[in-house]
Amino acid sequence: MRTFVTGAAGFIGSNLADYLLKMGIEVVGYDNFSTGHHEFLRGAIEHKNFSLVKGDTLDIDNLTNSMKGCDFIFHLAANADVRFGTEHPRKDLEQNTIATFNVLEAMRLNGIQRIAFSSTGSIYGESNIIPTPENAPFPIQTSLYGASKLACEGLLQAYAEGFDFQCYIFRFVSILGKRYSHGHVFDFYKSLNNNSENLKVLGNGHQRKSYLNIQDCLDAIFLAIEKAKEKINIFNLGTDETCEVNDSIRWITESLNLNPGLIYSGGDRGWIGDNPLIFLDCNKIRSLGWKPKFSIQESILQTLNFLRKNKWLLENSK
């Protein structure tokens, strides 16, 4: 099998590329390196079954040509900058929704019919059902990021019906682990590196979230692809636990032997679209035999240890 991975130089994409290569599967990586890192692909580039194309998902001609000869698409490239969505509203539309349309069109033109897509638990907004299952009614959207991803899901489902595609849609909680390069652990660690005396916290610290380790995430994705055979397959991916932002801060600061003063701002949420509680019902993926190996605390500390060993990421971040 020959696979095509958009966002291959990113956190999830590079881990996915390594996972595929270990399984003996050929990988074509596609990335514009706007946020991805060549360093993440160091091992993959040396592998005989990996090839890399520098390209943008908004360039449909390059995307279509690069995808030729592939059998399965993993579409991970996206703008994941949820917090600042209201500062650049067009970015989510272009890099998420229009880019996904381009991927689907490139597939159609190449006769490729199978795709796995990285969606998000953010599409549930502030759900009235906790834990939130895949068939929960959608509330009002609370972020441009979530709205753009929901539009992507609609396109995938329409292409599945119109062109007989088979789609795997994965609604992630936040992912943690090796090569993590943005998010709360990154932000807290960078801030503490600059000033260990005080830590600014967006929100009141009581926001409660679920997180998933990258290895557990990839195990779930491949189990679903192996066992789920419907035309449209939708899975929540998360753990059966949550933690407060304050819990995460405590684990991080204790590991660093720091005791900073905490400066809270923003009330019960840190920014527009930040949901005070995200907790997904993952019984559907568990019914296939999947079970996460890492707790949230273990994943946060694993992520922190990676960042401590790779401080170049802090230096390269904008």
Protein backbone atom coordinates (compact mmCIF):
# COMPACT_ATOMS: atom_id res chain seq x y z
CA MET A 1 0.00 0.00 0.00
CA ARG A 2 1.19 3.52 -0.84
CA THR A 3 -0.07 6.21 1.53
CA PHE A 4 -0.12 10.00 1.28
CA VAL A 5 0.22 12.06 4.48
CA THR A 6 -0.56 15.77 4.51
CA GLY A 7 1.09 17.68 7.33
CA ALA A 8 3.82 15.02 7.44
CA ALA A 9 6.36 17.28 9.15
CA GLY A 10 4.02 18.17 11.98
CA PHE A 11 3.56 16.62 15.41
CA ILE A 12 0.95 13.99 14.52
CA GLY A 13 1.96 13.63 10.87
CA SER A 14 5.61 12.81 11.55
CA ASN A 15 4.69 10.25 14.21
CA LEU A 16 2.18 8.75 11.77
CA ALA A 17 4.84 8.54 9.04
CA ASP A 18 7.16 6.63 11.38
CA TYR A 19 4.29 4.34 12.39
CA LEU A 20 3.46 3.53 8.77
CA LEU A 21 7.08 2.91 7.82
CA LYS A 22 7.50 0.47 10.71
CA MET A 23 4.51 -1.43 9.31
CA GLY A 24 6.29 -1.71 5.95
CA ILE A 25 3.94 0.77 4.26
CA GLU A 26 5.20 3.27 1.68
CA VAL A 27 4.69 6.93 2.61
CA VAL A 28 4.58 10.09 0.55
CA GLY A 29 4.86 13.02 2.96
CA TYR A 30 3.41 16.39 1.94
CA ASP A 31 4.06 19.57 3.91
CA ASN A 32 4.63 23.29 3.32
CA PHE A 33 6.77 23.59 6.49
CA SER A 34 4.87 26.63 7.73
CA THR A 35 4.69 24.96 11.15
CA GLY A 36 6.26 21.54 10.49
CA HIS A 37 9.94 20.74 11.15
CA HIS A 38 12.49 18.89 8.99
CA GLU A 39 13.97 17.57 12.24
CA PHE A 40 10.80 15.55 12.87
CA LEU A 41 11.35 13.70 9.59
CA ARG A 42 15.03 12.94 10.10
CA GLY A 43 14.46 9.20 10.53
CA ALA A 44 11.75 8.95 7.86
CA ILE A 45 13.84 10.66 5.18
CA GLU A 46 16.51 7.99 5.57
CA HIS A 47 13.94 5.24 4.95
CA LYS A 48 13.71 3.70 1.47
CA ASN A 49 9.89 3.72 1.58
CA PHE A 50 9.57 7.45 2.31
CA SER A 51 9.49 10.36 -0.11
CA LEU A 52 8.87 14.01 0.72
CA VAL A 53 7.10 16.68 -1.30
CA LYS A 54 7.23 20.30 -0.22
CA GLY A 55 3.84 21.68 -1.10
CA ASP A 56 0.76 23.50 0.13
CA THR A 57 -2.70 21.94 0.32
CA LEU A 58 -4.03 25.15 -1.25
CA ASP A 59 -2.03 24.32 -4.40
CA ILE A 60 -4.44 21.83 -5.93
CA ASP A 61 -2.31 21.15 -9.03
CA ASN A 62 0.77 20.21 -7.00
CA LEU A 63 -1.42 18.26 -4.59
CA THR A 64 -3.03 16.28 -7.42
CA ASN A 65 0.28 15.49 -9.10
CA SER A 66 1.96 14.50 -5.83
CA MET A 67 -0.87 12.14 -4.91
CA LYS A 68 -0.61 10.00 -8.07
CA GLY A 69 -0.17 6.31 -7.41
CA CYS A 70 -1.31 6.45 -3.78
CA ASP A 71 -4.00 4.18 -2.31
CA PHE A 72 -4.88 5.80 1.02
CA ILE A 73 -4.83 9.42 2.21
CA PHE A 74 -4.16 10.61 5.75
CA HIS A 75 -5.20 14.26 5.84
CA LEU A 76 -3.68 15.93 8.90
CA ALA A 77 -2.54 19.32 7.57
CA ALA A 78 -4.57 22.12 9.13
CA ASN A 79 -4.45 25.36 11.04
CA ALA A 80 -4.67 24.20 14.64
CA ASP A 81 -4.37 27.68 16.12
CA VAL A 82 -7.72 27.64 17.92
CA ARG A 83 -6.99 30.46 20.33
CA PHE A 84 -6.37 33.20 17.76
CA GLY A 85 -9.09 32.23 15.29
CA THR A 86 -10.96 35.52 15.68
CA GLU A 87 -7.80 37.45 14.77
CA HIS A 88 -7.56 35.84 11.33
CA PRO A 89 -11.01 34.39 10.46
CA ARG A 90 -10.08 33.47 6.88
CA LYS A 91 -7.21 31.24 8.00
CA ASP A 92 -9.45 28.42 9.29
CA LEU A 93 -11.59 28.59 6.15
CA GLU A 94 -8.61 28.37 3.82
CA GLN A 95 -6.25 26.01 5.64
CA ASN A 96 -8.93 23.68 6.97
CA THR A 97 -12.07 23.73 4.81
CA ILE A 98 -10.78 24.77 1.37
CA ALA A 99 -7.64 22.68 1.82
CA THR A 100 -9.79 19.63 2.64
CA PHE A 101 -11.88 20.26 -0.48
CA ASN A 102 -8.63 20.32 -2.49
CA VAL A 103 -7.52 17.01 -0.96
CA LEU A 104 -10.85 15.41 -1.83
CA GLU A 105 -10.74 16.77 -5.38
CA ALA A 106 -7.17 15.53 -5.83
CA MET A 107 -8.33 12.12 -4.64
CA ARG A 108 -11.25 12.12 -7.07
CA LEU A 109 -9.02 13.10 -9.99
CA ASN A 110 -6.58 10.31 -9.08
CA GLY A 111 -9.22 7.65 -8.47
CA ILE A 112 -8.33 7.33 -4.77
CA GLN A 113 -11.28 6.53 -2.52
CA ARG A 114 -10.02 5.99 1.04
CA ILE A 115 -9.18 8.75 3.50
CA ALA A 116 -8.57 9.21 7.21
CA PHE A 117 -9.21 12.74 8.49
CA SER A 118 -8.16 14.44 11.72
CA SER A 119 -11.20 16.25 13.04
CA THR A 120 -11.68 17.56 16.57
CA GLY A 121 -13.83 17.29 19.67
CA SER A 122 -14.24 21.06 19.32
CA ILE A 123 -17.04 20.49 16.81
CA TYR A 124 -19.31 19.59 19.76
CA GLY A 125 -19.02 23.15 21.09
CA GLU A 126 -20.30 23.32 24.66
CA SER A 127 -22.25 20.09 24.53
CA ASN A 128 -25.15 19.40 26.88
CA ILE A 129 -24.20 15.70 26.89
CA ILE A 130 -21.11 14.78 28.92
CA PRO A 131 -19.28 12.54 28.09
CA THR A 132 -20.14 13.48 24.49
CA PRO A 133 -20.84 10.60 22.05
CA GLU A 134 -20.42 10.71 18.27
CA ASN A 135 -24.19 10.99 17.72
CA ALA A 136 -24.68 13.94 20.09
CA PRO A 137 -26.68 16.84 18.61
CA PHE A 138 -24.43 19.69 17.56
CA PRO A 139 -24.88 22.87 19.61
CA ILE A 140 -23.96 26.36 18.46
CA GLN A 141 -20.35 26.38 17.27
CA THR A 142 -18.03 28.22 19.65
CA SER A 143 -14.85 28.50 17.56
CA LEU A 144 -13.97 29.18 13.94
CA TYR A 145 -11.62 26.21 14.13
CA GLY A 146 -14.42 23.86 15.19
CA ALA A 147 -16.77 25.29 12.59
CA SER A 148 -14.20 24.82 9.82
CA LYS A 149 -13.56 21.21 10.84
CA LEU A 150 -17.29 20.49 10.94
CA ALA A 151 -17.51 21.85 7.39
CA CYS A 152 -14.67 19.48 6.44
CA GLU A 153 -16.61 16.54 7.85
CA GLY A 154 -19.60 17.56 5.76
CA LEU A 155 -17.46 17.58 2.62
CA LEU A 156 -16.01 14.16 3.39
CA GLN A 157 -19.46 12.68 3.92
CA ALA A 158 -20.77 14.26 0.71
CA TYR A 159 -17.83 12.86 -1.29
CA ALA A 160 -18.42 9.46 0.30
CA GLU A 161 -22.00 9.53 -0.95
CA GLY A 162 -21.28 11.19 -4.30
CA PHE A 163 -18.10 9.40 -5.34
CA ASP A 164 -18.17 6.21 -3.24
CA PHE A 165 -15.31 7.25 -0.96
CA GLN A 166 -14.66 5.46 2.31
CA CYS A 167 -13.97 7.95 5.10
CA TYR A 168 -12.54 7.59 8.59
CA ILE A 169 -13.21 10.71 10.65
CA PHE A 170 -11.41 10.96 13.99
CA ARG A 171 -12.57 13.55 16.50
CA PHE A 172 -9.55 14.07 18.72
CA VAL A 173 -9.15 15.57 22.13
CA SER A 174 -5.79 17.37 22.46
CA ILE A 175 -2.90 15.03 21.63
CA LEU A 176 0.32 14.86 23.69
CA GLY A 177 3.70 13.17 23.35
CA LYS A 178 6.94 13.15 21.36
CA ARG A 179 7.28 16.06 18.88
CA TYR A 180 4.49 18.04 20.51
CA SER A 181 5.13 21.61 19.42
CA HIS A 182 2.11 23.71 20.41
CA GLY A 183 -0.50 23.70 23.14
CA HIS A 184 -0.72 24.23 26.86
CA VAL A 185 2.29 22.12 27.95
CA PHE A 186 4.46 23.89 25.38
CA ASP A 187 3.15 27.32 26.41
CA PHE A 188 3.61 26.70 30.13
CA TYR A 189 7.09 25.27 29.73
CA LYS A 190 8.21 28.12 27.47
CA SER A 191 6.79 30.68 29.89
CA LEU A 192 8.51 29.06 32.87
CA ASN A 193 11.80 29.03 30.96
CA ASN A 194 11.51 32.76 30.51
CA ASN A 195 10.23 33.50 34.02
CA SER A 196 10.17 30.83 36.71
CA GLU A 197 8.72 33.18 39.32
CA ASN A 198 5.26 33.70 37.80
CA LEU A 199 3.03 31.82 35.37
CA LYS A 200 0.20 33.48 33.48
CA VAL A 201 -2.82 31.19 33.08
CA LEU A 202 -5.63 31.87 30.61
CA GLY A 203 -8.90 31.15 32.42
CA ASN A 204 -9.41 30.33 36.09
CA GLY A 205 -7.45 27.07 36.00
CA HIS A 206 -10.57 24.98 36.54
CA GLN A 207 -11.17 24.28 32.85
CA ARG A 208 -11.38 20.52 32.61
CA LYS A 209 -9.99 18.76 29.54
CA SER A 210 -9.14 15.30 28.29
CA TYR A 211 -5.85 14.52 26.55
CA LEU A 212 -4.57 11.53 24.57
CA ASN A 213 -1.05 10.22 24.01
CA ILE A 214 0.12 10.20 20.38
CA GLN A 215 0.90 6.47 20.49
CA ASP A 216 -2.56 5.65 21.83
CA CYS A 217 -4.01 7.90 19.14
CA LEU A 218 -2.21 6.11 16.31
CA ASP A 219 -3.08 2.67 17.71
CA ALA A 220 -6.75 3.69 17.71
CA ILE A 221 -6.63 5.03 14.16
CA PHE A 222 -5.17 1.85 12.72
CA LEU A 223 -7.50 -0.40 14.67
CA ALA A 224 -10.46 1.55 13.30
CA ILE A 225 -9.15 1.33 9.74
CA GLU A 226 -8.62 -2.39 10.15
CA LYS A 227 -12.01 -3.21 11.68
CA ALA A 228 -14.53 -0.53 10.68
CA LYS A 229 -15.86 -1.10 7.16
CA GLU A 230 -18.72 1.37 6.75
CA LYS A 231 -18.67 4.03 4.05
CA ILE A 232 -18.47 6.76 6.73
CA ASN A 233 -16.77 5.82 10.00
CA ILE A 234 -16.70 8.42 12.79
CA PHE A 235 -14.81 7.90 16.04
CA ASN A 236 -14.13 9.99 19.13
CA LEU A 237 -10.58 9.52 20.37
CA GLY A 238 -9.80 10.39 23.98
CA THR A 239 -9.30 8.92 27.42
CA ASP A 240 -11.87 8.09 30.09
CA GLU A 241 -10.47 10.75 32.40
CA THR A 242 -10.08 14.51 32.52
CA CYS A 243 -7.83 16.89 34.40
CA GLU A 244 -8.05 20.52 35.38
CA VAL A 245 -5.59 23.00 33.96
CA ASN A 246 -4.45 23.44 37.57
CA ASP A 247 -3.63 19.71 37.75
CA SER A 248 -1.47 19.99 34.66
CA ILE A 249 0.31 23.04 36.08
CA ARG A 250 1.02 21.17 39.31
CA TRP A 251 2.48 18.14 37.52
CA ILE A 252 4.65 20.35 35.31
CA THR A 253 5.96 22.62 38.07
CA GLU A 254 6.63 19.74 40.45
CA SER A 255 8.64 17.97 37.74
CA LEU A 256 10.65 21.15 37.18
CA ASN A 257 11.05 21.76 40.94
CA LEU A 258 9.42 25.16 40.59
CA ASN A 259 6.79 26.95 42.64
CA PRO A 260 5.68 29.95 40.58
CA GLY A 261 2.93 32.36 41.47
CA LEU A 262 -0.12 31.80 39.28
CA ILE A 263 -1.73 34.78 37.55
CA TYR A 264 -5.21 33.95 36.23
CA SER A 265 -7.12 35.93 33.62
CA GLY A 266 -10.23 35.49 31.49
CA GLY A 267 -12.79 34.08 33.90
CA ASP A 268 -13.95 30.49 33.41
CA ARG A 269 -12.36 30.19 29.95
CA GLY A 270 -9.11 31.40 28.49
CA TRP A 271 -10.26 32.72 25.11
CA ILE A 272 -13.25 32.90 22.77
CA GLY A 273 -14.09 29.31 21.89
CA ASP A 274 -12.30 27.76 24.87
CA ASN A 275 -14.75 25.26 26.33
CA PRO A 276 -14.60 24.86 30.13
CA LEU A 277 -15.24 21.11 29.81
CA ILE A 278 -14.25 18.74 26.99
CA PHE A 279 -14.86 15.07 27.66
CA LEU A 280 -15.66 12.64 24.84
CA ASP A 281 -17.48 9.32 25.05
CA CYS A 282 -15.07 6.83 23.48
CA ASN A 283 -17.09 3.64 23.88
CA LYS A 284 -17.34 3.21 20.10
CA ILE A 285 -13.58 2.88 19.54
CA ARG A 286 -13.26 0.85 22.76
CA SER A 287 -15.82 -1.62 21.41
CA LEU A 288 -13.26 -2.55 18.74
CA GLY A 289 -10.80 -3.60 21.45
CA TRP A 290 -8.81 -0.38 21.85
CA LYS A 291 -7.68 0.83 25.25
CA PRO A 292 -5.27 3.72 25.96
CA LYS A 293 -1.99 2.74 27.58
CA PHE A 294 -1.07 6.15 29.02
CA SER A 295 -2.81 8.25 31.65
CA ILE A 296 -3.13 12.01 31.16
CA GLN A 297 -0.49 12.65 33.82
CA GLU A 298 1.93 10.24 32.15
CA SER A 299 1.34 11.90 28.78
CA ILE A 300 1.88 15.40 30.14
CA LEU A 301 5.15 14.40 31.82
CA GLN A 302 6.29 12.51 28.70
CA THR A 303 5.59 15.66 26.66
CA LEU A 304 7.43 17.85 29.15
CA ASN A 305 10.48 15.55 29.06
CA PHE A 306 10.52 15.73 25.26
CA LEU A 307 10.46 19.52 25.35
CA ARG A 308 13.24 19.63 27.96
CA LYS A 309 15.42 17.56 25.63
CA ASN A 310 14.49 19.63 22.56
CA LYS A 311 14.72 23.26 23.60
CA TRP A 312 15.35 24.23 19.99
CA LEU A 313 11.57 24.03 19.59
CA LEU A 314 11.14 26.86 22.10
CA GLU A 315 13.74 28.94 20.28
CA ASN A 316 12.10 28.35 16.89
CA SER A 317 8.56 29.11 18.05
CA LYS A 318 6.98 32.40 17.09
